[in-house]
Amino acid sequence: HGPKRTVLYWLCGDAERTEKINDFLEGVKLLTVNCSIFFFFAILALAEVVPYELTWLAILAVPDALRKLFKLNVEAVALVLRELDFWVAFVTSIMSLMCAWASFAHEGAAAAVVFLFVFLSLYTVDVLFADADLSKRVIESKGFKTVNTVAFLLSITAFGILITFGHIPLVENRQYHFHLLYNEGTVESVSMCTRFMSTPVLFMFKFIVKSLVYKGRTVII
């Protein structure tokens, strides 16, 4: 597909500018991919295996996410957005991350919000929008999407284990009381986080199985 078929062209409406920006981002692809590795250091920082301040390194993964997003086929993205599988996984991911945000203590909240926002961005682009990447490399490499999904599955599972068993020092299992009509109850932030998280995890298992059984085919569309 040409530059007019990409998400970036849909955003800026200029084919020449789109081509220049995408060419520039592809030119620094090695740099952006290497910078995204720092995201894994941010996971270690959450657990304070390394200084918590290094959580901010997650920001360095944003340029690579934007590079991938800008070159996606906009018509394929539109097809993905029509699928229920996308919205169920996307909305429950947001709900899970909102519960996780609510669990962080005040002094660590800013870095945690940035980390989780970057995590959601990477998950959306690399997993949920994977069917919209029509680049030659991805099409010819039939197992690339599966590897990506497995990596995110392991990352989300690791984060779930850390937050559930209290291995993130700045996380507190806060209780929230609610009144709904004539009913009232209490929910716990960490518990709700892991419950909502289970849905994207199940969907990723589904995507992995589908991509292994039907090699070279889409997993959401």
N, C-alpha and C. Protein backbone atom coordinates (compact mmCIF):
# COMPACT_ATOMS: atom_id res chain seq x y z
N HIS A 1 0.84 -1.18 0.00
CA HIS A 1 0.00 0.00 0.00
C HIS A 1 0.88 1.24 0.00
N GLY A 2 0.37 2.32 -0.61
CA GLY A 2 1.13 3.56 -0.67
C GLY A 2 0.90 4.42 0.55
N PRO A 3 1.55 5.60 0.58
CA PRO A 3 1.42 6.50 1.73
C PRO A 3 -0.01 6.96 1.98
N LYS A 4 -0.84 7.02 0.93
CA LYS A 4 -2.21 7.49 1.10
C LYS A 4 -3.10 6.47 1.82
N ARG A 5 -2.58 5.27 1.98
CA ARG A 5 -3.34 4.22 2.67
C ARG A 5 -2.99 4.13 4.15
N THR A 6 -2.08 4.96 4.62
CA THR A 6 -1.58 4.83 5.99
C THR A 6 -2.35 5.72 6.97
N VAL A 7 -2.20 5.39 8.24
CA VAL A 7 -2.83 6.16 9.31
C VAL A 7 -2.30 7.59 9.33
N LEU A 8 -0.99 7.75 9.07
CA LEU A 8 -0.39 9.08 9.10
C LEU A 8 -1.01 9.99 8.04
N TYR A 9 -1.27 9.46 6.86
CA TYR A 9 -1.90 10.28 5.81
C TYR A 9 -3.30 10.68 6.24
N TRP A 10 -4.01 9.78 6.88
CA TRP A 10 -5.36 10.08 7.38
C TRP A 10 -5.31 11.21 8.41
N LEU A 11 -4.20 11.27 9.17
CA LEU A 11 -4.06 12.30 10.20
C LEU A 11 -3.64 13.65 9.62
N CYS A 12 -2.72 13.65 8.64
CA CYS A 12 -2.18 14.93 8.15
C CYS A 12 -2.70 15.32 6.77
N GLY A 13 -3.16 14.35 5.96
CA GLY A 13 -3.75 14.66 4.68
C GLY A 13 -2.79 15.13 3.61
N ASP A 14 -1.50 14.90 3.80
CA ASP A 14 -0.48 15.33 2.82
C ASP A 14 0.39 14.13 2.48
N ALA A 15 0.29 13.65 1.25
CA ALA A 15 1.00 12.44 0.83
C ALA A 15 2.51 12.62 0.89
N GLU A 16 3.00 13.79 0.45
CA GLU A 16 4.44 14.02 0.43
C GLU A 16 5.00 14.08 1.85
N ARG A 17 4.31 14.78 2.72
CA ARG A 17 4.76 14.87 4.11
C ARG A 17 4.69 13.50 4.79
N THR A 18 3.63 12.76 4.48
CA THR A 18 3.47 11.41 5.04
C THR A 18 4.64 10.52 4.66
N GLU A 19 5.00 10.56 3.40
CA GLU A 19 6.11 9.73 2.92
C GLU A 19 7.42 10.13 3.59
N LYS A 20 7.66 11.44 3.75
CA LYS A 20 8.89 11.91 4.38
C LYS A 20 8.98 11.48 5.84
N ILE A 21 7.87 11.63 6.56
CA ILE A 21 7.87 11.26 7.98
C ILE A 21 8.06 9.76 8.15
N ASN A 22 7.32 8.97 7.36
CA ASN A 22 7.45 7.52 7.46
C ASN A 22 8.85 7.05 7.06
N ASP A 23 9.44 7.66 6.02
CA ASP A 23 10.80 7.32 5.62
C ASP A 23 11.80 7.68 6.72
N PHE A 24 11.59 8.83 7.36
CA PHE A 24 12.48 9.24 8.45
C PHE A 24 12.38 8.25 9.62
N LEU A 25 11.15 7.88 9.98
CA LEU A 25 10.97 6.95 11.10
C LEU A 25 11.55 5.57 10.78
N GLU A 26 11.43 5.14 9.53
CA GLU A 26 12.04 3.87 9.14
C GLU A 26 13.57 3.98 9.16
N GLY A 27 14.08 5.17 8.88
CA GLY A 27 15.53 5.38 8.91
C GLY A 27 16.11 5.28 10.31
N VAL A 28 15.30 5.64 11.30
CA VAL A 28 15.77 5.56 12.69
C VAL A 28 15.13 4.36 13.40
N LYS A 29 14.67 3.40 12.61
CA LYS A 29 13.98 2.23 13.17
C LYS A 29 14.84 1.49 14.20
N LEU A 30 16.11 1.28 13.88
CA LEU A 30 16.98 0.55 14.79
C LEU A 30 17.09 1.27 16.13
N LEU A 31 17.17 2.59 16.08
CA LEU A 31 17.27 3.38 17.31
C LEU A 31 15.99 3.26 18.14
N THR A 32 14.83 3.40 17.49
CA THR A 32 13.57 3.35 18.23
C THR A 32 13.31 1.96 18.81
N VAL A 33 13.67 0.92 18.05
CA VAL A 33 13.49 -0.45 18.55
C VAL A 33 14.39 -0.68 19.77
N ASN A 34 15.63 -0.21 19.70
CA ASN A 34 16.54 -0.37 20.83
C ASN A 34 16.06 0.41 22.05
N CYS A 35 15.48 1.60 21.81
CA CYS A 35 14.97 2.40 22.92
C CYS A 35 13.78 1.72 23.60
N SER A 36 12.99 0.98 22.81
CA SER A 36 11.82 0.32 23.40
C SER A 36 12.21 -0.78 24.38
N ILE A 37 13.46 -1.25 24.29
CA ILE A 37 13.94 -2.27 25.24
C ILE A 37 13.92 -1.73 26.67
N PHE A 38 14.09 -0.41 26.80
CA PHE A 38 14.09 0.19 28.14
C PHE A 38 12.76 0.01 28.84
N PHE A 39 11.72 -0.33 28.10
CA PHE A 39 10.42 -0.57 28.71
C PHE A 39 10.50 -1.70 29.73
N PHE A 40 11.33 -2.70 29.44
CA PHE A 40 11.47 -3.83 30.35
C PHE A 40 12.22 -3.43 31.63
N PHE A 41 13.10 -2.45 31.52
CA PHE A 41 13.74 -1.91 32.72
C PHE A 41 12.70 -1.20 33.59
N ALA A 42 11.70 -0.60 32.93
CA ALA A 42 10.64 0.08 33.67
C ALA A 42 9.82 -0.91 34.48
N ILE A 43 9.62 -2.12 33.96
CA ILE A 43 8.91 -3.16 34.70
C ILE A 43 9.70 -3.53 35.96
N LEU A 44 11.00 -3.66 35.83
CA LEU A 44 11.85 -3.96 36.99
C LEU A 44 11.82 -2.81 37.98
N ALA A 45 11.73 -1.58 37.45
CA ALA A 45 11.69 -0.41 38.33
C ALA A 45 10.41 -0.38 39.15
N LEU A 46 9.30 -0.84 38.57
CA LEU A 46 8.04 -0.89 39.32
C LEU A 46 8.17 -1.76 40.57
N ALA A 47 8.88 -2.87 40.41
CA ALA A 47 9.10 -3.78 41.53
C ALA A 47 10.27 -3.34 42.40
N GLU A 48 10.90 -2.21 42.02
CA GLU A 48 12.05 -1.63 42.73
C GLU A 48 13.23 -2.60 42.80
N VAL A 49 13.34 -3.45 41.77
CA VAL A 49 14.56 -4.24 41.61
C VAL A 49 15.70 -3.29 41.24
N VAL A 50 15.35 -2.28 40.47
CA VAL A 50 16.24 -1.15 40.17
C VAL A 50 15.51 0.08 40.69
N PRO A 51 16.17 1.24 40.80
CA PRO A 51 15.51 2.44 41.34
C PRO A 51 14.18 2.74 40.66
N TYR A 52 13.17 3.10 41.46
CA TYR A 52 11.82 3.33 40.95
C TYR A 52 11.78 4.44 39.91
N GLU A 53 12.69 5.40 40.02
CA GLU A 53 12.72 6.52 39.08
C GLU A 53 12.91 6.06 37.64
N LEU A 54 13.50 4.86 37.45
CA LEU A 54 13.72 4.35 36.10
C LEU A 54 12.43 3.92 35.41
N THR A 55 11.31 3.95 36.14
CA THR A 55 10.02 3.68 35.52
C THR A 55 9.75 4.64 34.37
N TRP A 56 10.29 5.86 34.49
CA TRP A 56 10.10 6.87 33.45
C TRP A 56 10.73 6.46 32.12
N LEU A 57 11.62 5.46 32.13
CA LEU A 57 12.24 5.00 30.89
C LEU A 57 11.21 4.43 29.92
N ALA A 58 10.03 4.09 30.42
CA ALA A 58 8.97 3.56 29.56
C ALA A 58 8.63 4.53 28.43
N ILE A 59 8.84 5.83 28.68
CA ILE A 59 8.54 6.84 27.66
C ILE A 59 9.34 6.59 26.38
N LEU A 60 10.53 6.01 26.52
CA LEU A 60 11.39 5.79 25.36
C LEU A 60 10.81 4.78 24.37
N ALA A 61 9.78 4.06 24.78
CA ALA A 61 9.14 3.09 23.88
C ALA A 61 8.09 3.75 22.99
N VAL A 62 7.72 4.99 23.28
CA VAL A 62 6.67 5.68 22.54
C VAL A 62 7.03 5.91 21.06
N PRO A 63 8.26 6.39 20.73
CA PRO A 63 8.57 6.60 19.31
C PRO A 63 8.39 5.37 18.44
N ASP A 64 8.76 4.19 18.95
CA ASP A 64 8.61 2.97 18.14
C ASP A 64 7.14 2.63 17.97
N ALA A 65 6.33 2.88 19.01
CA ALA A 65 4.89 2.64 18.90
C ALA A 65 4.27 3.56 17.86
N LEU A 66 4.70 4.83 17.85
CA LEU A 66 4.19 5.77 16.85
C LEU A 66 4.63 5.39 15.44
N ARG A 67 5.87 4.91 15.32
CA ARG A 67 6.38 4.48 14.01
C ARG A 67 5.49 3.37 13.44
N LYS A 68 5.15 2.42 14.29
CA LYS A 68 4.31 1.30 13.84
C LYS A 68 2.89 1.76 13.55
N LEU A 69 2.37 2.66 14.39
CA LEU A 69 1.00 3.13 14.21
C LEU A 69 0.85 3.91 12.90
N PHE A 70 1.79 4.81 12.62
CA PHE A 70 1.70 5.68 11.45
C PHE A 70 1.68 4.92 10.13
N LYS A 71 2.34 3.76 10.09
CA LYS A 71 2.43 3.03 8.82
C LYS A 71 1.32 1.98 8.65
N LEU A 72 0.44 1.85 9.63
CA LEU A 72 -0.65 0.89 9.51
C LEU A 72 -1.60 1.28 8.38
N ASN A 73 -2.19 0.27 7.76
CA ASN A 73 -3.16 0.51 6.70
C ASN A 73 -4.46 1.00 7.33
N VAL A 74 -4.88 2.20 6.96
CA VAL A 74 -6.02 2.84 7.63
C VAL A 74 -7.33 2.08 7.37
N GLU A 75 -7.46 1.44 6.21
CA GLU A 75 -8.68 0.68 5.92
C GLU A 75 -8.74 -0.59 6.76
N ALA A 76 -7.57 -1.20 6.97
CA ALA A 76 -7.52 -2.39 7.83
C ALA A 76 -7.80 -2.00 9.28
N VAL A 77 -7.29 -0.83 9.71
CA VAL A 77 -7.58 -0.34 11.07
C VAL A 77 -9.09 -0.15 11.24
N ALA A 78 -9.74 0.40 10.22
CA ALA A 78 -11.20 0.59 10.28
C ALA A 78 -11.93 -0.74 10.43
N LEU A 79 -11.43 -1.77 9.75
CA LEU A 79 -12.04 -3.10 9.88
C LEU A 79 -11.85 -3.67 11.28
N VAL A 80 -10.66 -3.46 11.85
CA VAL A 80 -10.39 -3.92 13.21
C VAL A 80 -11.34 -3.24 14.20
N LEU A 81 -11.55 -1.93 14.00
CA LEU A 81 -12.40 -1.17 14.92
C LEU A 81 -13.87 -1.58 14.87
N ARG A 82 -14.25 -2.33 13.84
CA ARG A 82 -15.63 -2.81 13.74
C ARG A 82 -15.84 -4.14 14.46
N GLU A 83 -14.75 -4.74 14.91
CA GLU A 83 -14.83 -6.08 15.51
C GLU A 83 -15.06 -6.01 17.02
N LEU A 84 -15.94 -6.86 17.52
CA LEU A 84 -16.23 -6.92 18.95
C LEU A 84 -15.00 -7.39 19.74
N ASP A 85 -14.22 -8.30 19.15
CA ASP A 85 -13.02 -8.80 19.82
C ASP A 85 -12.09 -7.66 20.19
N PHE A 86 -11.96 -6.68 19.32
CA PHE A 86 -11.09 -5.53 19.61
C PHE A 86 -11.62 -4.76 20.80
N TRP A 87 -12.91 -4.42 20.78
CA TRP A 87 -13.46 -3.55 21.81
C TRP A 87 -13.53 -4.22 23.18
N VAL A 88 -13.82 -5.50 23.22
CA VAL A 88 -13.84 -6.20 24.51
C VAL A 88 -12.46 -6.19 25.14
N ALA A 89 -11.44 -6.55 24.34
CA ALA A 89 -10.07 -6.57 24.86
C ALA A 89 -9.57 -5.17 25.21
N PHE A 90 -9.92 -4.18 24.38
CA PHE A 90 -9.45 -2.81 24.59
C PHE A 90 -10.08 -2.18 25.83
N VAL A 91 -11.40 -2.30 25.96
CA VAL A 91 -12.10 -1.67 27.08
C VAL A 91 -11.71 -2.32 28.40
N THR A 92 -11.63 -3.64 28.44
CA THR A 92 -11.25 -4.31 29.69
C THR A 92 -9.80 -4.00 30.06
N SER A 93 -8.95 -3.78 29.06
CA SER A 93 -7.57 -3.37 29.34
C SER A 93 -7.55 -1.99 30.01
N ILE A 94 -8.36 -1.07 29.49
CA ILE A 94 -8.44 0.26 30.09
C ILE A 94 -8.97 0.19 31.52
N MET A 95 -10.01 -0.61 31.74
CA MET A 95 -10.57 -0.76 33.09
C MET A 95 -9.55 -1.35 34.05
N SER A 96 -8.80 -2.33 33.57
CA SER A 96 -7.76 -2.94 34.40
C SER A 96 -6.69 -1.93 34.78
N LEU A 97 -6.26 -1.12 33.81
CA LEU A 97 -5.23 -0.13 34.08
C LEU A 97 -5.73 0.99 34.98
N MET A 98 -7.01 1.35 34.86
CA MET A 98 -7.59 2.36 35.75
C MET A 98 -7.58 1.88 37.20
N CYS A 99 -7.89 0.60 37.38
CA CYS A 99 -7.84 0.03 38.74
C CYS A 99 -6.40 -0.03 39.25
N ALA A 100 -5.47 -0.31 38.34
CA ALA A 100 -4.06 -0.32 38.74
C ALA A 100 -3.60 1.08 39.13
N TRP A 101 -4.00 2.11 38.34
CA TRP A 101 -3.65 3.49 38.67
C TRP A 101 -4.16 3.86 40.07
N ALA A 102 -5.38 3.43 40.37
CA ALA A 102 -5.99 3.77 41.66
C ALA A 102 -5.27 3.11 42.83
N SER A 103 -4.47 2.09 42.54
CA SER A 103 -3.79 1.34 43.60
C SER A 103 -2.45 1.93 43.99
N PHE A 104 -1.89 2.79 43.15
CA PHE A 104 -0.56 3.33 43.43
C PHE A 104 -0.62 4.46 44.44
N ALA A 105 0.37 4.48 45.33
CA ALA A 105 0.48 5.56 46.31
C ALA A 105 0.79 6.86 45.59
N HIS A 106 0.49 7.98 46.25
CA HIS A 106 0.60 9.29 45.62
C HIS A 106 2.00 9.56 45.08
N GLU A 107 3.03 9.20 45.86
CA GLU A 107 4.40 9.55 45.45
C GLU A 107 4.88 8.78 44.22
N GLY A 108 4.22 7.68 43.89
CA GLY A 108 4.64 6.91 42.72
C GLY A 108 3.62 6.93 41.60
N ALA A 109 2.56 7.72 41.78
CA ALA A 109 1.45 7.67 40.84
C ALA A 109 1.81 8.20 39.45
N ALA A 110 2.57 9.30 39.38
CA ALA A 110 2.87 9.91 38.09
C ALA A 110 3.64 8.96 37.17
N ALA A 111 4.70 8.37 37.69
CA ALA A 111 5.50 7.43 36.89
C ALA A 111 4.68 6.21 36.52
N ALA A 112 3.82 5.75 37.44
CA ALA A 112 2.99 4.57 37.16
C ALA A 112 1.97 4.85 36.06
N VAL A 113 1.37 6.05 36.08
CA VAL A 113 0.40 6.42 35.05
C VAL A 113 1.07 6.44 33.68
N VAL A 114 2.28 7.02 33.61
CA VAL A 114 3.02 7.07 32.34
C VAL A 114 3.34 5.65 31.86
N PHE A 115 3.83 4.82 32.77
CA PHE A 115 4.17 3.43 32.42
C PHE A 115 2.95 2.69 31.87
N LEU A 116 1.83 2.77 32.58
CA LEU A 116 0.65 2.02 32.17
C LEU A 116 0.05 2.57 30.87
N PHE A 117 0.14 3.90 30.67
CA PHE A 117 -0.33 4.48 29.41
C PHE A 117 0.52 3.98 28.24
N VAL A 118 1.83 3.93 28.42
CA VAL A 118 2.72 3.42 27.38
C VAL A 118 2.44 1.94 27.12
N PHE A 119 2.21 1.21 28.21
CA PHE A 119 1.89 -0.22 28.08
C PHE A 119 0.63 -0.42 27.25
N LEU A 120 -0.42 0.38 27.53
CA LEU A 120 -1.67 0.28 26.77
C LEU A 120 -1.44 0.63 25.30
N SER A 121 -0.62 1.65 25.04
CA SER A 121 -0.33 2.06 23.66
C SER A 121 0.37 0.95 22.90
N LEU A 122 1.38 0.34 23.53
CA LEU A 122 2.12 -0.74 22.88
C LEU A 122 1.22 -1.95 22.63
N TYR A 123 0.40 -2.27 23.61
CA TYR A 123 -0.51 -3.42 23.49
C TYR A 123 -1.50 -3.19 22.35
N THR A 124 -2.04 -1.98 22.25
CA THR A 124 -3.02 -1.66 21.21
C THR A 124 -2.40 -1.75 19.82
N VAL A 125 -1.21 -1.15 19.66
CA VAL A 125 -0.57 -1.13 18.34
C VAL A 125 -0.03 -2.51 17.96
N ASP A 126 0.69 -3.16 18.87
CA ASP A 126 1.38 -4.40 18.53
C ASP A 126 0.49 -5.64 18.52
N VAL A 127 -0.58 -5.63 19.32
CA VAL A 127 -1.43 -6.82 19.41
C VAL A 127 -2.80 -6.58 18.76
N LEU A 128 -3.52 -5.57 19.23
CA LEU A 128 -4.89 -5.37 18.74
C LEU A 128 -4.93 -4.86 17.30
N PHE A 129 -3.94 -4.06 16.91
CA PHE A 129 -3.89 -3.55 15.54
C PHE A 129 -2.93 -4.34 14.64
N ALA A 130 -2.52 -5.50 15.09
CA ALA A 130 -1.53 -6.29 14.33
C ALA A 130 -2.04 -6.65 12.93
N ASP A 131 -3.34 -6.87 12.79
CA ASP A 131 -3.91 -7.24 11.49
C ASP A 131 -3.81 -6.11 10.48
N ALA A 132 -3.62 -4.87 10.95
CA ALA A 132 -3.56 -3.72 10.05
C ALA A 132 -2.15 -3.43 9.56
N ASP A 133 -1.17 -4.20 10.02
CA ASP A 133 0.21 -4.03 9.55
C ASP A 133 0.39 -4.88 8.30
N LEU A 134 0.35 -4.22 7.15
CA LEU A 134 0.43 -4.93 5.86
C LEU A 134 1.81 -4.80 5.22
N SER A 135 2.81 -4.53 6.03
CA SER A 135 4.17 -4.41 5.50
C SER A 135 4.64 -5.77 5.00
N LYS A 136 5.51 -5.76 4.02
CA LYS A 136 6.00 -6.98 3.39
C LYS A 136 6.66 -7.91 4.40
N ARG A 137 7.43 -7.32 5.33
CA ARG A 137 8.16 -8.12 6.32
C ARG A 137 7.19 -8.92 7.19
N VAL A 138 6.11 -8.28 7.63
CA VAL A 138 5.14 -8.95 8.51
C VAL A 138 4.38 -10.02 7.75
N ILE A 139 4.00 -9.72 6.50
CA ILE A 139 3.25 -10.69 5.70
C ILE A 139 4.08 -11.94 5.41
N GLU A 140 5.35 -11.74 5.08
CA GLU A 140 6.22 -12.87 4.77
C GLU A 140 6.63 -13.64 6.03
N SER A 141 6.74 -12.93 7.15
CA SER A 141 7.10 -13.58 8.41
C SER A 141 5.83 -13.96 9.14
N LYS A 142 5.29 -15.13 8.87
CA LYS A 142 3.98 -15.54 9.35
C LYS A 142 3.91 -15.69 10.86
N GLY A 143 5.05 -15.93 11.52
CA GLY A 143 5.03 -16.12 12.96
C GLY A 143 5.31 -14.87 13.76
N PHE A 144 5.51 -13.73 13.08
CA PHE A 144 5.89 -12.49 13.77
C PHE A 144 4.81 -12.03 14.73
N LYS A 145 3.54 -12.05 14.30
CA LYS A 145 2.45 -11.61 15.15
C LYS A 145 2.34 -12.47 16.40
N THR A 146 2.54 -13.77 16.23
CA THR A 146 2.45 -14.69 17.36
C THR A 146 3.52 -14.39 18.40
N VAL A 147 4.73 -14.15 17.95
CA VAL A 147 5.83 -13.83 18.87
C VAL A 147 5.52 -12.56 19.65
N ASN A 148 5.00 -11.56 18.95
CA ASN A 148 4.62 -10.30 19.60
C ASN A 148 3.56 -10.51 20.66
N THR A 149 2.54 -11.29 20.33
CA THR A 149 1.44 -11.55 21.26
C THR A 149 1.93 -12.32 22.48
N VAL A 150 2.80 -13.31 22.25
CA VAL A 150 3.36 -14.09 23.37
C VAL A 150 4.16 -13.19 24.30
N ALA A 151 4.93 -12.26 23.72
CA ALA A 151 5.73 -11.33 24.53
C ALA A 151 4.83 -10.47 25.42
N PHE A 152 3.73 -9.98 24.86
CA PHE A 152 2.82 -9.17 25.65
C PHE A 152 2.06 -10.01 26.67
N LEU A 153 1.75 -11.24 26.32
CA LEU A 153 1.08 -12.13 27.26
C LEU A 153 1.97 -12.36 28.49
N LEU A 154 3.24 -12.60 28.25
CA LEU A 154 4.19 -12.80 29.36
C LEU A 154 4.35 -11.53 30.18
N SER A 155 4.38 -10.38 29.50
CA SER A 155 4.54 -9.10 30.22
C SER A 155 3.33 -8.81 31.11
N ILE A 156 2.12 -9.00 30.57
CA ILE A 156 0.91 -8.75 31.34
C ILE A 156 0.80 -9.73 32.50
N THR A 157 1.17 -10.99 32.24
CA THR A 157 1.14 -12.00 33.31
C THR A 157 2.11 -11.63 34.42
N ALA A 158 3.30 -11.18 34.04
CA ALA A 158 4.31 -10.77 35.03
C ALA A 158 3.80 -9.59 35.86
N PHE A 159 3.20 -8.60 35.18
CA PHE A 159 2.67 -7.44 35.90
C PHE A 159 1.54 -7.86 36.83
N GLY A 160 0.67 -8.77 36.36
CA GLY A 160 -0.42 -9.26 37.19
C GLY A 160 0.07 -9.96 38.45
N ILE A 161 1.11 -10.77 38.30
CA ILE A 161 1.68 -11.48 39.45
C ILE A 161 2.29 -10.49 40.44
N LEU A 162 3.02 -9.51 39.91
CA LEU A 162 3.67 -8.52 40.78
C LEU A 162 2.65 -7.72 41.58
N ILE A 163 1.59 -7.27 40.92
CA ILE A 163 0.62 -6.42 41.61
C ILE A 163 -0.29 -7.22 42.54
N THR A 164 -0.57 -8.48 42.18
CA THR A 164 -1.46 -9.31 43.00
C THR A 164 -0.80 -9.75 44.31
N PHE A 165 0.46 -10.11 44.22
CA PHE A 165 1.14 -10.65 45.40
C PHE A 165 1.98 -9.61 46.14
N GLY A 166 1.73 -8.34 45.85
CA GLY A 166 2.34 -7.27 46.62
C GLY A 166 3.82 -7.06 46.40
N HIS A 167 4.31 -7.38 45.19
CA HIS A 167 5.73 -7.20 44.91
C HIS A 167 6.04 -5.82 44.31
N ILE A 168 5.02 -4.97 44.21
CA ILE A 168 5.24 -3.58 43.80
C ILE A 168 5.04 -2.73 45.05
N PRO A 169 6.10 -2.27 45.67
CA PRO A 169 6.03 -1.62 46.99
C PRO A 169 5.06 -0.44 47.08
N LEU A 170 4.89 0.32 46.02
CA LEU A 170 4.05 1.51 46.10
C LEU A 170 2.57 1.24 45.83
N VAL A 171 2.22 -0.03 45.66
CA VAL A 171 0.82 -0.39 45.40
C VAL A 171 0.12 -0.72 46.71
N GLU A 172 -1.06 -0.15 46.88
CA GLU A 172 -1.91 -0.42 48.03
C GLU A 172 -3.24 -0.96 47.54
N ASN A 173 -3.71 -2.01 48.18
CA ASN A 173 -5.00 -2.59 47.79
C ASN A 173 -6.12 -1.77 48.43
N ARG A 174 -6.53 -0.72 47.75
CA ARG A 174 -7.50 0.22 48.30
C ARG A 174 -8.92 -0.33 48.18
N GLN A 175 -9.73 0.01 49.15
CA GLN A 175 -11.13 -0.39 49.13
C GLN A 175 -12.02 0.80 48.78
N TYR A 176 -12.99 0.57 47.90
CA TYR A 176 -13.92 1.60 47.48
C TYR A 176 -15.34 1.12 47.75
N HIS A 177 -16.11 1.96 48.43
CA HIS A 177 -17.50 1.63 48.75
C HIS A 177 -18.41 2.30 47.74
N PHE A 178 -19.45 1.60 47.34
CA PHE A 178 -20.37 2.15 46.36
C PHE A 178 -21.82 1.87 46.74
N HIS A 179 -22.70 2.73 46.27
CA HIS A 179 -24.14 2.55 46.44
C HIS A 179 -24.77 2.53 45.05
N LEU A 180 -25.48 1.49 44.73
CA LEU A 180 -26.13 1.36 43.42
C LEU A 180 -27.59 1.00 43.65
N LEU A 181 -28.46 1.97 43.40
CA LEU A 181 -29.89 1.82 43.68
C LEU A 181 -30.08 1.47 45.16
N TYR A 182 -30.57 0.27 45.45
CA TYR A 182 -30.79 -0.12 46.84
C TYR A 182 -29.70 -1.05 47.36
N ASN A 183 -28.64 -1.19 46.57
CA ASN A 183 -27.55 -2.08 46.96
C ASN A 183 -26.30 -1.27 47.29
N GLU A 184 -25.49 -1.80 48.14
CA GLU A 184 -24.20 -1.20 48.41
C GLU A 184 -23.17 -2.30 48.60
N GLY A 185 -21.94 -1.97 48.36
CA GLY A 185 -20.88 -2.98 48.46
C GLY A 185 -19.51 -2.35 48.49
N THR A 186 -18.51 -3.21 48.46
CA THR A 186 -17.12 -2.77 48.52
C THR A 186 -16.31 -3.52 47.47
N VAL A 187 -15.46 -2.80 46.77
CA VAL A 187 -14.56 -3.44 45.81
C VAL A 187 -13.12 -3.07 46.17
N GLU A 188 -12.21 -3.95 45.81
CA GLU A 188 -10.78 -3.71 46.07
C GLU A 188 -10.09 -3.43 44.75
N SER A 189 -9.23 -2.42 44.72
CA SER A 189 -8.62 -1.97 43.47
C SER A 189 -7.76 -3.05 42.81
N VAL A 190 -6.93 -3.74 43.59
CA VAL A 190 -6.06 -4.77 43.01
C VAL A 190 -6.88 -5.95 42.50
N SER A 191 -7.90 -6.33 43.26
CA SER A 191 -8.76 -7.43 42.84
C SER A 191 -9.47 -7.11 41.53
N MET A 192 -10.00 -5.89 41.41
CA MET A 192 -10.68 -5.49 40.18
C MET A 192 -9.70 -5.40 39.01
N CYS A 193 -8.47 -4.96 39.31
CA CYS A 193 -7.44 -4.88 38.27
C CYS A 193 -7.18 -6.25 37.65
N THR A 194 -6.97 -7.25 38.51
CA THR A 194 -6.66 -8.60 38.00
C THR A 194 -7.88 -9.24 37.33
N ARG A 195 -9.06 -8.92 37.81
CA ARG A 195 -10.27 -9.49 37.17
C ARG A 195 -10.46 -8.94 35.77
N PHE A 196 -10.32 -7.63 35.63
CA PHE A 196 -10.43 -7.05 34.30
C PHE A 196 -9.29 -7.52 33.40
N MET A 197 -8.10 -7.73 33.99
CA MET A 197 -6.94 -8.15 33.22
C MET A 197 -7.12 -9.54 32.63
N SER A 198 -7.93 -10.36 33.27
CA SER A 198 -8.10 -11.74 32.80
C SER A 198 -8.71 -11.80 31.40
N THR A 199 -9.53 -10.81 31.05
CA THR A 199 -10.16 -10.82 29.73
C THR A 199 -9.16 -10.60 28.59
N PRO A 200 -8.31 -9.55 28.64
CA PRO A 200 -7.28 -9.43 27.60
C PRO A 200 -6.34 -10.63 27.53
N VAL A 201 -6.05 -11.22 28.69
CA VAL A 201 -5.18 -12.41 28.70
C VAL A 201 -5.84 -13.56 27.94
N LEU A 202 -7.13 -13.79 28.21
CA LEU A 202 -7.85 -14.85 27.51
C LEU A 202 -7.91 -14.58 26.00
N PHE A 203 -8.11 -13.32 25.64
CA PHE A 203 -8.17 -12.97 24.22
C PHE A 203 -6.81 -13.19 23.56
N MET A 204 -5.73 -12.91 24.28
CA MET A 204 -4.40 -13.14 23.70
C MET A 204 -4.14 -14.63 23.49
N PHE A 205 -4.61 -15.47 24.43
CA PHE A 205 -4.52 -16.91 24.22
C PHE A 205 -5.29 -17.30 22.95
N LYS A 206 -6.46 -16.71 22.78
CA LYS A 206 -7.27 -16.98 21.59
C LYS A 206 -6.53 -16.56 20.33
N PHE A 207 -5.91 -15.36 20.35
CA PHE A 207 -5.18 -14.88 19.18
C PHE A 207 -4.01 -15.80 18.84
N ILE A 208 -3.31 -16.26 19.89
CA ILE A 208 -2.14 -17.13 19.68
C ILE A 208 -2.57 -18.45 19.04
N VAL A 209 -3.60 -19.06 19.61
CA VAL A 209 -4.09 -20.34 19.08
C VAL A 209 -4.57 -20.17 17.64
N LYS A 210 -5.31 -19.10 17.39
CA LYS A 210 -5.84 -18.86 16.04
C LYS A 210 -4.72 -18.65 15.03
N SER A 211 -3.67 -17.91 15.44
CA SER A 211 -2.57 -17.65 14.50
C SER A 211 -1.73 -18.89 14.26
N LEU A 212 -1.70 -19.81 15.23
CA LEU A 212 -0.95 -21.06 15.04
C LEU A 212 -1.73 -22.05 14.18
N VAL A 213 -3.05 -22.07 14.37
CA VAL A 213 -3.88 -23.00 13.60
C VAL A 213 -4.06 -22.52 12.16
N TYR A 214 -4.31 -21.21 12.01
CA TYR A 214 -4.52 -20.64 10.68
C TYR A 214 -3.36 -19.70 10.37
N LYS A 215 -2.24 -20.25 10.01
CA LYS A 215 -1.02 -19.48 9.79
C LYS A 215 -1.19 -18.52 8.61
N GLY A 216 -0.73 -17.30 8.80
CA GLY A 216 -0.78 -16.31 7.74
C GLY A 216 -2.11 -15.59 7.63
N ARG A 217 -3.06 -15.92 8.52
CA ARG A 217 -4.36 -15.26 8.48
C ARG A 217 -4.49 -14.24 9.60
N THR A 218 -5.50 -13.39 9.48
CA THR A 218 -5.72 -12.38 10.50
C THR A 218 -6.31 -13.02 11.76
N VAL A 219 -6.16 -12.34 12.90
CA VAL A 219 -6.66 -12.92 14.16
C VAL A 219 -7.87 -12.18 14.70
N ILE A 220 -8.08 -10.93 14.29
CA ILE A 220 -9.26 -10.17 14.77
C ILE A 220 -10.25 -9.95 13.64
N ILE A 221 -9.76 -9.51 12.48
CA ILE A 221 -10.67 -9.24 11.35
C ILE A 221 -11.28 -10.55 10.84
